[in-house]
Amino acid sequence: MISLNDFLIVGAALFCIGLYMLLTKRNAIQLLIGIELMLNAAILNLVAFGKFDRVNNSGQIFALFAIVLAAATTAVALAIILTVYKKYKTIDPGKVNSLKD
């Protein structure tokens, strides 16, 4: 049987990988993937705590809400990335220094 510590270790590993991608990558898509990994680590922890919560499954309900929010934010972020690429022909956030045009 998988214990709560196993879930927490996998969640921490996913969060660290996402944080590493967020801090080191220069591509907007890779930054978005890093954010999604960090969010999935938090959702994994919520589901794990919901599984081991014997009183009510509030962690799983909150995880479902977080998944819906993650899907919506990903759609908005992809739309922003596509618009920036259409305007500047790059998805490197360091090269886009003026959004005023």
PDB file of N, CA and C in Angstrom:
ATOM      1  N   MET A   1       0.840  -1.183   0.000  1.00  0.00           N
ATOM      2  CA  MET A   1       0.000   0.000   0.000  1.00  0.00           C
ATOM      3  C   MET A   1       0.882   1.242   0.000  1.00  0.00           C
ATOM      4  N   ILE A   2       0.461   2.216  -0.760  1.00  0.00           N
ATOM      5  CA  ILE A   2       1.220   3.459  -0.861  1.00  0.00           C
ATOM      6  C   ILE A   2       0.859   4.340   0.327  1.00  0.00           C
ATOM      7  N   SER A   3       1.879   4.807   1.016  1.00  0.00           N
ATOM      8  CA  SER A   3       1.634   5.633   2.201  1.00  0.00           C
ATOM      9  C   SER A   3       1.573   7.110   1.811  1.00  0.00           C
ATOM     10  N   LEU A   4       1.178   7.918   2.778  1.00  0.00           N
ATOM     11  CA  LEU A   4       1.089   9.369   2.538  1.00  0.00           C
ATOM     12  C   LEU A   4       2.464   9.957   2.255  1.00  0.00           C
ATOM     13  N   ASN A   5       3.495   9.398   2.890  1.00  0.00           N
ATOM     14  CA  ASN A   5       4.853   9.902   2.653  1.00  0.00           C
ATOM     15  C   ASN A   5       5.285   9.700   1.199  1.00  0.00           C
ATOM     16  N   ASP A   6       4.878   8.581   0.600  1.00  0.00           N
ATOM     17  CA  ASP A   6       5.223   8.342  -0.812  1.00  0.00           C
ATOM     18  C   ASP A   6       4.598   9.404  -1.718  1.00  0.00           C
ATOM     19  N   PHE A   7       3.338   9.728  -1.451  1.00  0.00           N
ATOM     20  CA  PHE A   7       2.686  10.773  -2.240  1.00  0.00           C
ATOM     21  C   PHE A   7       3.396  12.114  -2.062  1.00  0.00           C
ATOM     22  N   LEU A   8       3.772  12.407  -0.827  1.00  0.00           N
ATOM     23  CA  LEU A   8       4.419  13.687  -0.552  1.00  0.00           C
ATOM     24  C   LEU A   8       5.800  13.765  -1.194  1.00  0.00           C
ATOM     25  N   ILE A   9       6.515  12.644  -1.245  1.00  0.00           N
ATOM     26  CA  ILE A   9       7.836  12.636  -1.889  1.00  0.00           C
ATOM     27  C   ILE A   9       7.703  12.873  -3.387  1.00  0.00           C
ATOM     28  N   VAL A  10       6.746  12.201  -4.023  1.00  0.00           N
ATOM     29  CA  VAL A  10       6.530  12.400  -5.464  1.00  0.00           C
ATOM     30  C   VAL A  10       6.068  13.829  -5.728  1.00  0.00           C
ATOM     31  N   GLY A  11       5.202  14.354  -4.869  1.00  0.00           N
ATOM     32  CA  GLY A  11       4.745  15.738  -5.027  1.00  0.00           C
ATOM     33  C   GLY A  11       5.887  16.731  -4.883  1.00  0.00           C
ATOM     34  N   ALA A  12       6.769  16.493  -3.920  1.00  0.00           N
ATOM     35  CA  ALA A  12       7.917  17.386  -3.738  1.00  0.00           C
ATOM     36  C   ALA A  12       8.860  17.309  -4.931  1.00  0.00           C
ATOM     37  N   ALA A  13       9.053  16.103  -5.479  1.00  0.00           N
ATOM     38  CA  ALA A  13       9.925  15.962  -6.649  1.00  0.00           C
ATOM     39  C   ALA A  13       9.336  16.700  -7.853  1.00  0.00           C
ATOM     40  N   LEU A  14       8.034  16.540  -8.069  1.00  0.00           N
ATOM     41  CA  LEU A  14       7.386  17.257  -9.182  1.00  0.00           C
ATOM     42  C   LEU A  14       7.488  18.761  -9.001  1.00  0.00           C
ATOM     43  N   PHE A  15       7.290  19.224  -7.774  1.00  0.00           N
ATOM     44  CA  PHE A  15       7.371  20.659  -7.507  1.00  0.00           C
ATOM     45  C   PHE A  15       8.783  21.184  -7.756  1.00  0.00           C
ATOM     46  N   CYS A  16       9.800  20.425  -7.343  1.00  0.00           N
ATOM     47  CA  CYS A  16      11.187  20.865  -7.549  1.00  0.00           C
ATOM     48  C   CYS A  16      11.546  20.887  -9.031  1.00  0.00           C
ATOM     49  N   ILE A  17      11.084  19.901  -9.791  1.00  0.00           N
ATOM     50  CA  ILE A  17      11.345  19.890 -11.232  1.00  0.00           C
ATOM     51  C   ILE A  17      10.676  21.098 -11.892  1.00  0.00           C
ATOM     52  N   GLY A  18       9.437  21.380 -11.497  1.00  0.00           N
ATOM     53  CA  GLY A  18       8.742  22.545 -12.047  1.00  0.00           C
ATOM     54  C   GLY A  18       9.418  23.846 -11.678  1.00  0.00           C
ATOM     55  N   LEU A  19       9.890  23.952 -10.447  1.00  0.00           N
ATOM     56  CA  LEU A  19      10.592  25.164 -10.017  1.00  0.00           C
ATOM     57  C   LEU A  19      11.909  25.328 -10.765  1.00  0.00           C
ATOM     58  N   TYR A  20      12.622  24.215 -10.988  1.00  0.00           N
ATOM     59  CA  TYR A  20      13.874  24.260 -11.755  1.00  0.00           C
ATOM     60  C   TYR A  20      13.606  24.744 -13.181  1.00  0.00           C
ATOM     61  N   MET A  21      12.545  24.217 -13.789  1.00  0.00           N
ATOM     62  CA  MET A  21      12.208  24.652 -15.162  1.00  0.00           C
ATOM     63  C   MET A  21      11.837  26.125 -15.173  1.00  0.00           C
ATOM     64  N   LEU A  22      11.130  26.565 -14.160  1.00  0.00           N
ATOM     65  CA  LEU A  22      10.700  27.964 -14.108  1.00  0.00           C
ATOM     66  C   LEU A  22      11.884  28.911 -13.948  1.00  0.00           C
ATOM     67  N   LEU A  23      12.906  28.488 -13.227  1.00  0.00           N
ATOM     68  CA  LEU A  23      14.047  29.350 -12.966  1.00  0.00           C
ATOM     69  C   LEU A  23      15.110  29.307 -14.056  1.00  0.00           C
ATOM     70  N   THR A  24      15.181  28.222 -14.824  1.00  0.00           N
ATOM     71  CA  THR A  24      16.287  28.082 -15.764  1.00  0.00           C
ATOM     72  C   THR A  24      15.903  28.218 -17.232  1.00  0.00           C
ATOM     73  N   LYS A  25      14.673  28.004 -17.590  1.00  0.00           N
ATOM     74  CA  LYS A  25      14.298  27.994 -19.001  1.00  0.00           C
ATOM     75  C   LYS A  25      13.974  29.394 -19.487  1.00  0.00           C
ATOM     76  N   ARG A  26      14.189  29.618 -20.778  1.00  0.00           N
ATOM     77  CA  ARG A  26      13.944  30.924 -21.389  1.00  0.00           C
ATOM     78  C   ARG A  26      12.823  30.868 -22.417  1.00  0.00           C
ATOM     79  N   ASN A  27      12.234  29.718 -22.585  1.00  0.00           N
ATOM     80  CA  ASN A  27      11.155  29.546 -23.542  1.00  0.00           C
ATOM     81  C   ASN A  27       9.825  29.661 -22.803  1.00  0.00           C
ATOM     82  N   ALA A  28       8.891  30.397 -23.348  1.00  0.00           N
ATOM     83  CA  ALA A  28       7.613  30.613 -22.669  1.00  0.00           C
ATOM     84  C   ALA A  28       6.819  29.319 -22.507  1.00  0.00           C
ATOM     85  N   ILE A  29       6.908  28.431 -23.480  1.00  0.00           N
ATOM     86  CA  ILE A  29       6.201  27.152 -23.377  1.00  0.00           C
ATOM     87  C   ILE A  29       6.793  26.315 -22.242  1.00  0.00           C
ATOM     88  N   GLN A  30       8.127  26.310 -22.123  1.00  0.00           N
ATOM     89  CA  GLN A  30       8.760  25.554 -21.048  1.00  0.00           C
ATOM     90  C   GLN A  30       8.445  26.166 -19.688  1.00  0.00           C
ATOM     91  N   LEU A  31       8.320  27.483 -19.623  1.00  0.00           N
ATOM     92  CA  LEU A  31       7.907  28.123 -18.371  1.00  0.00           C
ATOM     93  C   LEU A  31       6.497  27.679 -17.995  1.00  0.00           C
ATOM     94  N   LEU A  32       5.634  27.610 -18.993  1.00  0.00           N
ATOM     95  CA  LEU A  32       4.260  27.171 -18.755  1.00  0.00           C
ATOM     96  C   LEU A  32       4.213  25.719 -18.280  1.00  0.00           C
ATOM     97  N   ILE A  33       5.055  24.876 -18.865  1.00  0.00           N
ATOM     98  CA  ILE A  33       5.123  23.475 -18.437  1.00  0.00           C
ATOM     99  C   ILE A  33       5.620  23.386 -16.993  1.00  0.00           C
ATOM    100  N   GLY A  34       6.593  24.224 -16.629  1.00  0.00           N
ATOM    101  CA  GLY A  34       7.083  24.252 -15.246  1.00  0.00           C
ATOM    102  C   GLY A  34       6.000  24.644 -14.264  1.00  0.00           C
ATOM    103  N   ILE A  35       5.210  25.631 -14.639  1.00  0.00           N
ATOM    104  CA  ILE A  35       4.108  26.059 -13.767  1.00  0.00           C
ATOM    105  C   ILE A  35       3.084  24.935 -13.631  1.00  0.00           C
ATOM    106  N   GLU A  36       2.806  24.250 -14.732  1.00  0.00           N
ATOM    107  CA  GLU A  36       1.844  23.143 -14.677  1.00  0.00           C
ATOM    108  C   GLU A  36       2.359  22.001 -13.797  1.00  0.00           C
ATOM    109  N   LEU A  37       3.670  21.726 -13.860  1.00  0.00           N
ATOM    110  CA  LEU A  37       4.227  20.676 -12.997  1.00  0.00           C
ATOM    111  C   LEU A  37       4.078  21.047 -11.526  1.00  0.00           C
ATOM    112  N   MET A  38       4.329  22.316 -11.209  1.00  0.00           N
ATOM    113  CA  MET A  38       4.184  22.751  -9.824  1.00  0.00           C
ATOM    114  C   MET A  38       2.734  22.662  -9.379  1.00  0.00           C
ATOM    115  N   LEU A  39       1.822  23.016 -10.246  1.00  0.00           N
ATOM    116  CA  LEU A  39       0.401  22.934  -9.912  1.00  0.00           C
ATOM    117  C   LEU A  39      -0.045  21.481  -9.760  1.00  0.00           C
ATOM    118  N   ASN A  40       0.463  20.597 -10.627  1.00  0.00           N
ATOM    119  CA  ASN A  40       0.119  19.183 -10.511  1.00  0.00           C
ATOM    120  C   ASN A  40       0.676  18.575  -9.231  1.00  0.00           C
ATOM    121  N   ALA A  41       1.822  19.048  -8.770  1.00  0.00           N
ATOM    122  CA  ALA A  41       2.358  18.569  -7.492  1.00  0.00           C
ATOM    123  C   ALA A  41       1.423  18.958  -6.352  1.00  0.00           C
ATOM    124  N   ALA A  42       0.916  20.177  -6.386  1.00  0.00           N
ATOM    125  CA  ALA A  42      -0.019  20.606  -5.345  1.00  0.00           C
ATOM    126  C   ALA A  42      -1.314  19.797  -5.418  1.00  0.00           C
ATOM    127  N   ILE A  43      -1.796  19.537  -6.630  1.00  0.00           N
ATOM    128  CA  ILE A  43      -3.025  18.752  -6.785  1.00  0.00           C
ATOM    129  C   ILE A  43      -2.816  17.321  -6.291  1.00  0.00           C
ATOM    130  N   LEU A  44      -1.649  16.745  -6.581  1.00  0.00           N
ATOM    131  CA  LEU A  44      -1.341  15.392  -6.096  1.00  0.00           C
ATOM    132  C   LEU A  44      -1.369  15.346  -4.576  1.00  0.00           C
ATOM    133  N   ASN A  45      -0.823  16.361  -3.937  1.00  0.00           N
ATOM    134  CA  ASN A  45      -0.848  16.399  -2.479  1.00  0.00           C
ATOM    135  C   ASN A  45      -2.266  16.551  -1.951  1.00  0.00           C
ATOM    136  N   LEU A  46      -3.086  17.346  -2.632  1.00  0.00           N
ATOM    137  CA  LEU A  46      -4.483  17.497  -2.198  1.00  0.00           C
ATOM    138  C   LEU A  46      -5.234  16.179  -2.298  1.00  0.00           C
ATOM    139  N   VAL A  47      -5.027  15.452  -3.394  1.00  0.00           N
ATOM    140  CA  VAL A  47      -5.707  14.173  -3.559  1.00  0.00           C
ATOM    141  C   VAL A  47      -5.208  13.170  -2.517  1.00  0.00           C
ATOM    142  N   ALA A  48      -3.903  13.194  -2.239  1.00  0.00           N
ATOM    143  CA  ALA A  48      -3.355  12.276  -1.231  1.00  0.00           C
ATOM    144  C   ALA A  48      -3.941  12.577   0.141  1.00  0.00           C
ATOM    145  N   PHE A  49      -4.011  13.848   0.497  1.00  0.00           N
ATOM    146  CA  PHE A  49      -4.604  14.181   1.792  1.00  0.00           C
ATOM    147  C   PHE A  49      -6.092  13.846   1.804  1.00  0.00           C
ATOM    148  N   GLY A  50      -6.767  14.001   0.670  1.00  0.00           N
ATOM    149  CA  GLY A  50      -8.174  13.621   0.589  1.00  0.00           C
ATOM    150  C   GLY A  50      -8.386  12.128   0.750  1.00  0.00           C
ATOM    151  N   LYS A  51      -7.420  11.328   0.220  1.00  0.00           N
ATOM    152  CA  LYS A  51      -7.529   9.875   0.346  1.00  0.00           C
ATOM    153  C   LYS A  51      -7.398   9.441   1.795  1.00  0.00           C
ATOM    154  N   PHE A  52      -6.504  10.076   2.512  1.00  0.00           N
ATOM    155  CA  PHE A  52      -6.266   9.667   3.897  1.00  0.00           C
ATOM    156  C   PHE A  52      -7.155  10.415   4.887  1.00  0.00           C
ATOM    157  N   ASP A  53      -8.022  11.286   4.405  1.00  0.00           N
ATOM    158  CA  ASP A  53      -8.970  11.982   5.270  1.00  0.00           C
ATOM    159  C   ASP A  53     -10.207  11.104   5.402  1.00  0.00           C
ATOM    160  N   ARG A  54     -10.440  10.568   6.559  1.00  0.00           N
ATOM    161  CA  ARG A  54     -11.548   9.630   6.763  1.00  0.00           C
ATOM    162  C   ARG A  54     -12.881  10.339   6.986  1.00  0.00           C
ATOM    163  N   VAL A  55     -12.869  11.607   7.354  1.00  0.00           N
ATOM    164  CA  VAL A  55     -14.106  12.290   7.707  1.00  0.00           C
ATOM    165  C   VAL A  55     -14.865  12.730   6.446  1.00  0.00           C
ATOM    166  N   ASN A  56     -14.254  13.530   5.639  1.00  0.00           N
ATOM    167  CA  ASN A  56     -14.882  13.973   4.395  1.00  0.00           C
ATOM    168  C   ASN A  56     -13.804  14.125   3.333  1.00  0.00           C
ATOM    169  N   ASN A  57     -14.180  14.022   2.082  1.00  0.00           N
ATOM    170  CA  ASN A  57     -13.220  14.059   0.985  1.00  0.00           C
ATOM    171  C   ASN A  57     -13.050  15.476   0.464  1.00  0.00           C
ATOM    172  N   SER A  58     -12.764  16.403   1.325  1.00  0.00           N
ATOM    173  CA  SER A  58     -12.661  17.791   0.898  1.00  0.00           C
ATOM    174  C   SER A  58     -11.418  18.028   0.050  1.00  0.00           C
ATOM    175  N   GLY A  59     -10.349  17.281   0.248  1.00  0.00           N
ATOM    176  CA  GLY A  59      -9.142  17.452  -0.554  1.00  0.00           C
ATOM    177  C   GLY A  59      -9.372  17.119  -2.014  1.00  0.00           C
ATOM    178  N   GLN A  60     -10.167  16.089  -2.285  1.00  0.00           N
ATOM    179  CA  GLN A  60     -10.433  15.700  -3.668  1.00  0.00           C
ATOM    180  C   GLN A  60     -11.326  16.712  -4.363  1.00  0.00           C
ATOM    181  N   ILE A  61     -12.265  17.274  -3.656  1.00  0.00           N
ATOM    182  CA  ILE A  61     -13.126  18.301  -4.250  1.00  0.00           C
ATOM    183  C   ILE A  61     -12.316  19.543  -4.569  1.00  0.00           C
ATOM    184  N   PHE A  62     -11.432  19.921  -3.665  1.00  0.00           N
ATOM    185  CA  PHE A  62     -10.580  21.073  -3.905  1.00  0.00           C
ATOM    186  C   PHE A  62      -9.614  20.798  -5.059  1.00  0.00           C
ATOM    187  N   ALA A  63      -9.127  19.563  -5.189  1.00  0.00           N
ATOM    188  CA  ALA A  63      -8.248  19.195  -6.300  1.00  0.00           C
ATOM    189  C   ALA A  63      -8.983  19.305  -7.629  1.00  0.00           C
ATOM    190  N   LEU A  64     -10.238  18.884  -7.673  1.00  0.00           N
ATOM    191  CA  LEU A  64     -11.032  19.015  -8.902  1.00  0.00           C
ATOM    192  C   LEU A  64     -11.198  20.481  -9.276  1.00  0.00           C
ATOM    193  N   PHE A  65     -11.443  21.325  -8.302  1.00  0.00           N
ATOM    194  CA  PHE A  65     -11.547  22.759  -8.547  1.00  0.00           C
ATOM    195  C   PHE A  65     -10.221  23.320  -9.059  1.00  0.00           C
ATOM    196  N   ALA A  66      -9.100  22.862  -8.491  1.00  0.00           N
ATOM    197  CA  ALA A  66      -7.782  23.330  -8.934  1.00  0.00           C
ATOM    198  C   ALA A  66      -7.477  22.885 -10.358  1.00  0.00           C
ATOM    199  N   ILE A  67      -7.918  21.688 -10.741  1.00  0.00           N
ATOM    200  CA  ILE A  67      -7.697  21.197 -12.109  1.00  0.00           C
ATOM    201  C   ILE A  67      -8.456  22.066 -13.106  1.00  0.00           C
ATOM    202  N   VAL A  68      -9.677  22.437 -12.779  1.00  0.00           N
ATOM    203  CA  VAL A  68     -10.463  23.304 -13.664  1.00  0.00           C
ATOM    204  C   VAL A  68      -9.796  24.661 -13.808  1.00  0.00           C
ATOM    205  N   LEU A  69      -9.319  25.215 -12.697  1.00  0.00           N
ATOM    206  CA  LEU A  69      -8.615  26.498 -12.755  1.00  0.00           C
ATOM    207  C   LEU A  69      -7.329  26.389 -13.568  1.00  0.00           C
ATOM    208  N   ALA A  70      -6.609  25.281 -13.435  1.00  0.00           N
ATOM    209  CA  ALA A  70      -5.367  25.092 -14.189  1.00  0.00           C
ATOM    210  C   ALA A  70      -5.638  25.026 -15.685  1.00  0.00           C
ATOM    211  N   ALA A  71      -6.705  24.354 -16.067  1.00  0.00           N
ATOM    212  CA  ALA A  71      -7.049  24.277 -17.491  1.00  0.00           C
ATOM    213  C   ALA A  71      -7.400  25.652 -18.040  1.00  0.00           C
ATOM    214  N   ALA A  72      -8.131  26.428 -17.273  1.00  0.00           N
ATOM    215  CA  ALA A  72      -8.497  27.770 -17.733  1.00  0.00           C
ATOM    216  C   ALA A  72      -7.277  28.680 -17.836  1.00  0.00           C
ATOM    217  N   THR A  73      -6.395  28.624 -16.855  1.00  0.00           N
ATOM    218  CA  THR A  73      -5.207  29.480 -16.913  1.00  0.00           C
ATOM    219  C   THR A  73      -4.265  29.054 -18.030  1.00  0.00           C
ATOM    220  N   THR A  74      -4.200  27.761 -18.313  1.00  0.00           N
ATOM    221  CA  THR A  74      -3.358  27.299 -19.416  1.00  0.00           C
ATOM    222  C   THR A  74      -3.898  27.810 -20.745  1.00  0.00           C
ATOM    223  N   ALA A  75      -5.192  27.800 -20.916  1.00  0.00           N
ATOM    224  CA  ALA A  75      -5.777  28.311 -22.151  1.00  0.00           C
ATOM    225  C   ALA A  75      -5.474  29.795 -22.330  1.00  0.00           C
ATOM    226  N   VAL A  76      -5.585  30.555 -21.249  1.00  0.00           N
ATOM    227  CA  VAL A  76      -5.282  31.989 -21.327  1.00  0.00           C
ATOM    228  C   VAL A  76      -3.796  32.208 -21.605  1.00  0.00           C
ATOM    229  N   ALA A  77      -2.934  31.449 -20.949  1.00  0.00           N
ATOM    230  CA  ALA A  77      -1.491  31.613 -21.151  1.00  0.00           C
ATOM    231  C   ALA A  77      -1.093  31.246 -22.574  1.00  0.00           C
ATOM    232  N   LEU A  78      -1.657  30.191 -23.128  1.00  0.00           N
ATOM    233  CA  LEU A  78      -1.352  29.821 -24.505  1.00  0.00           C
ATOM    234  C   LEU A  78      -1.837  30.894 -25.478  1.00  0.00           C
ATOM    235  N   ALA A  79      -2.968  31.494 -25.203  1.00  0.00           N
ATOM    236  CA  ALA A  79      -3.452  32.577 -26.065  1.00  0.00           C
ATOM    237  C   ALA A  79      -2.503  33.776 -26.004  1.00  0.00           C
ATOM    238  N   ILE A  80      -1.998  34.090 -24.825  1.00  0.00           N
ATOM    239  CA  ILE A  80      -1.043  35.196 -24.690  1.00  0.00           C
ATOM    240  C   ILE A  80       0.253  34.868 -25.420  1.00  0.00           C
ATOM    241  N   ILE A  81       0.735  33.643 -25.284  1.00  0.00           N
ATOM    242  CA  ILE A  81       1.979  33.247 -25.960  1.00  0.00           C
ATOM    243  C   ILE A  81       1.813  33.320 -27.466  1.00  0.00           C
ATOM    244  N   LEU A  82       0.687  32.852 -27.981  1.00  0.00           N
ATOM    245  CA  LEU A  82       0.452  32.910 -29.431  1.00  0.00           C
ATOM    246  C   LEU A  82       0.374  34.353 -29.920  1.00  0.00           C
ATOM    247  N   THR A  83      -0.232  35.217 -29.145  1.00  0.00           N
ATOM    248  CA  THR A  83      -0.320  36.631 -29.538  1.00  0.00           C
ATOM    249  C   THR A  83       1.061  37.289 -29.520  1.00  0.00           C
ATOM    250  N   VAL A  84       1.857  36.995 -28.507  1.00  0.00           N
ATOM    251  CA  VAL A  84       3.215  37.546 -28.434  1.00  0.00           C
ATOM    252  C   VAL A  84       4.063  37.017 -29.593  1.00  0.00           C
ATOM    253  N   TYR A  85       3.928  35.735 -29.914  1.00  0.00           N
ATOM    254  CA  TYR A  85       4.688  35.170 -31.033  1.00  0.00           C
ATOM    255  C   TYR A  85       4.265  35.799 -32.350  1.00  0.00           C
ATOM    256  N   LYS A  86       2.983  36.028 -32.508  1.00  0.00           N
ATOM    257  CA  LYS A  86       2.483  36.640 -33.745  1.00  0.00           C
ATOM    258  C   LYS A  86       3.045  38.049 -33.917  1.00  0.00           C
ATOM    259  N   LYS A  87       3.218  38.760 -32.810  1.00  0.00           N
ATOM    260  CA  LYS A  87       3.685  40.150 -32.876  1.00  0.00           C
ATOM    261  C   LYS A  87       5.206  40.242 -32.967  1.00  0.00           C
ATOM    262  N   TYR A  88       5.938  39.458 -32.160  1.00  0.00           N
ATOM    263  CA  TYR A  88       7.394  39.618 -32.036  1.00  0.00           C
ATOM    264  C   TYR A  88       8.196  38.485 -32.669  1.00  0.00           C
ATOM    265  N   LYS A  89       7.567  37.420 -33.133  1.00  0.00           N
ATOM    266  CA  LYS A  89       8.229  36.264 -33.748  1.00  0.00           C
ATOM    267  C   LYS A  89       9.226  35.594 -32.803  1.00  0.00           C
ATOM    268  N   THR A  90       8.997  35.641 -31.519  1.00  0.00           N
ATOM    269  CA  THR A  90       9.804  34.937 -30.528  1.00  0.00           C
ATOM    270  C   THR A  90       8.930  34.629 -29.319  1.00  0.00           C
ATOM    271  N   ILE A  91       9.304  33.547 -28.605  1.00  0.00           N
ATOM    272  CA  ILE A  91       8.592  33.225 -27.368  1.00  0.00           C
ATOM    273  C   ILE A  91       9.538  33.300 -26.178  1.00  0.00           C
ATOM    274  N   ASP A  92      10.706  33.928 -26.366  1.00  0.00           N
ATOM    275  CA  ASP A  92      11.642  34.164 -25.275  1.00  0.00           C
ATOM    276  C   ASP A  92      11.175  35.396 -24.501  1.00  0.00           C
ATOM    277  N   PRO A  93      10.767  35.232 -23.243  1.00  0.00           N
ATOM    278  CA  PRO A  93      10.263  36.392 -22.493  1.00  0.00           C
ATOM    279  C   PRO A  93      11.324  37.474 -22.277  1.00  0.00           C
ATOM    280  N   GLY A  94      12.604  37.118 -22.354  1.00  0.00           N
ATOM    281  CA  GLY A  94      13.662  38.102 -22.178  1.00  0.00           C
ATOM    282  C   GLY A  94      13.814  39.034 -23.369  1.00  0.00           C
ATOM    283  N   LYS A  95      13.402  38.583 -24.540  1.00  0.00           N
ATOM    284  CA  LYS A  95      13.545  39.392 -25.746  1.00  0.00           C
ATOM    285  C   LYS A  95      12.350  40.308 -25.979  1.00  0.00           C
ATOM    286  N   VAL A  96      11.258  40.031 -25.336  1.00  0.00           N
ATOM    287  CA  VAL A  96      10.080  40.881 -25.478  1.00  0.00           C
ATOM    288  C   VAL A  96      10.137  41.914 -24.354  1.00  0.00           C
ATOM    289  N   ASN A  97      10.559  43.109 -24.697  1.00  0.00           N
ATOM    290  CA  ASN A  97      10.727  44.111 -23.657  1.00  0.00           C
ATOM    291  C   ASN A  97       9.747  45.270 -23.784  1.00  0.00           C
ATOM    292  N   SER A  98       8.902  45.227 -24.781  1.00  0.00           N
ATOM    293  CA  SER A  98       7.941  46.299 -24.948  1.00  0.00           C
ATOM    294  C   SER A  98       6.605  45.719 -25.400  1.00  0.00           C
ATOM    295  N   LEU A  99       5.601  45.824 -24.555  1.00  0.00           N
ATOM    296  CA  LEU A  99       4.266  45.356 -24.932  1.00  0.00           C
ATOM    297  C   LEU A  99       3.347  46.534 -25.218  1.00  0.00           C
ATOM    298  N   LYS A 100       3.923  47.710 -25.315  1.00  0.00           N
ATOM    299  CA  LYS A 100       3.124  48.911 -25.483  1.00  0.00           C
ATOM    300  C   LYS A 100       2.611  49.086 -26.909  1.00  0.00           C
ATOM    301  N   ASP A 101       3.287  48.532 -27.905  1.00  0.00           N
ATOM    302  CA  ASP A 101       2.950  48.762 -29.317  1.00  0.00           C
ATOM    303  C   ASP A 101       1.574  48.299 -29.676  1.00  0.00           C
TER     304      ASP A 101
END
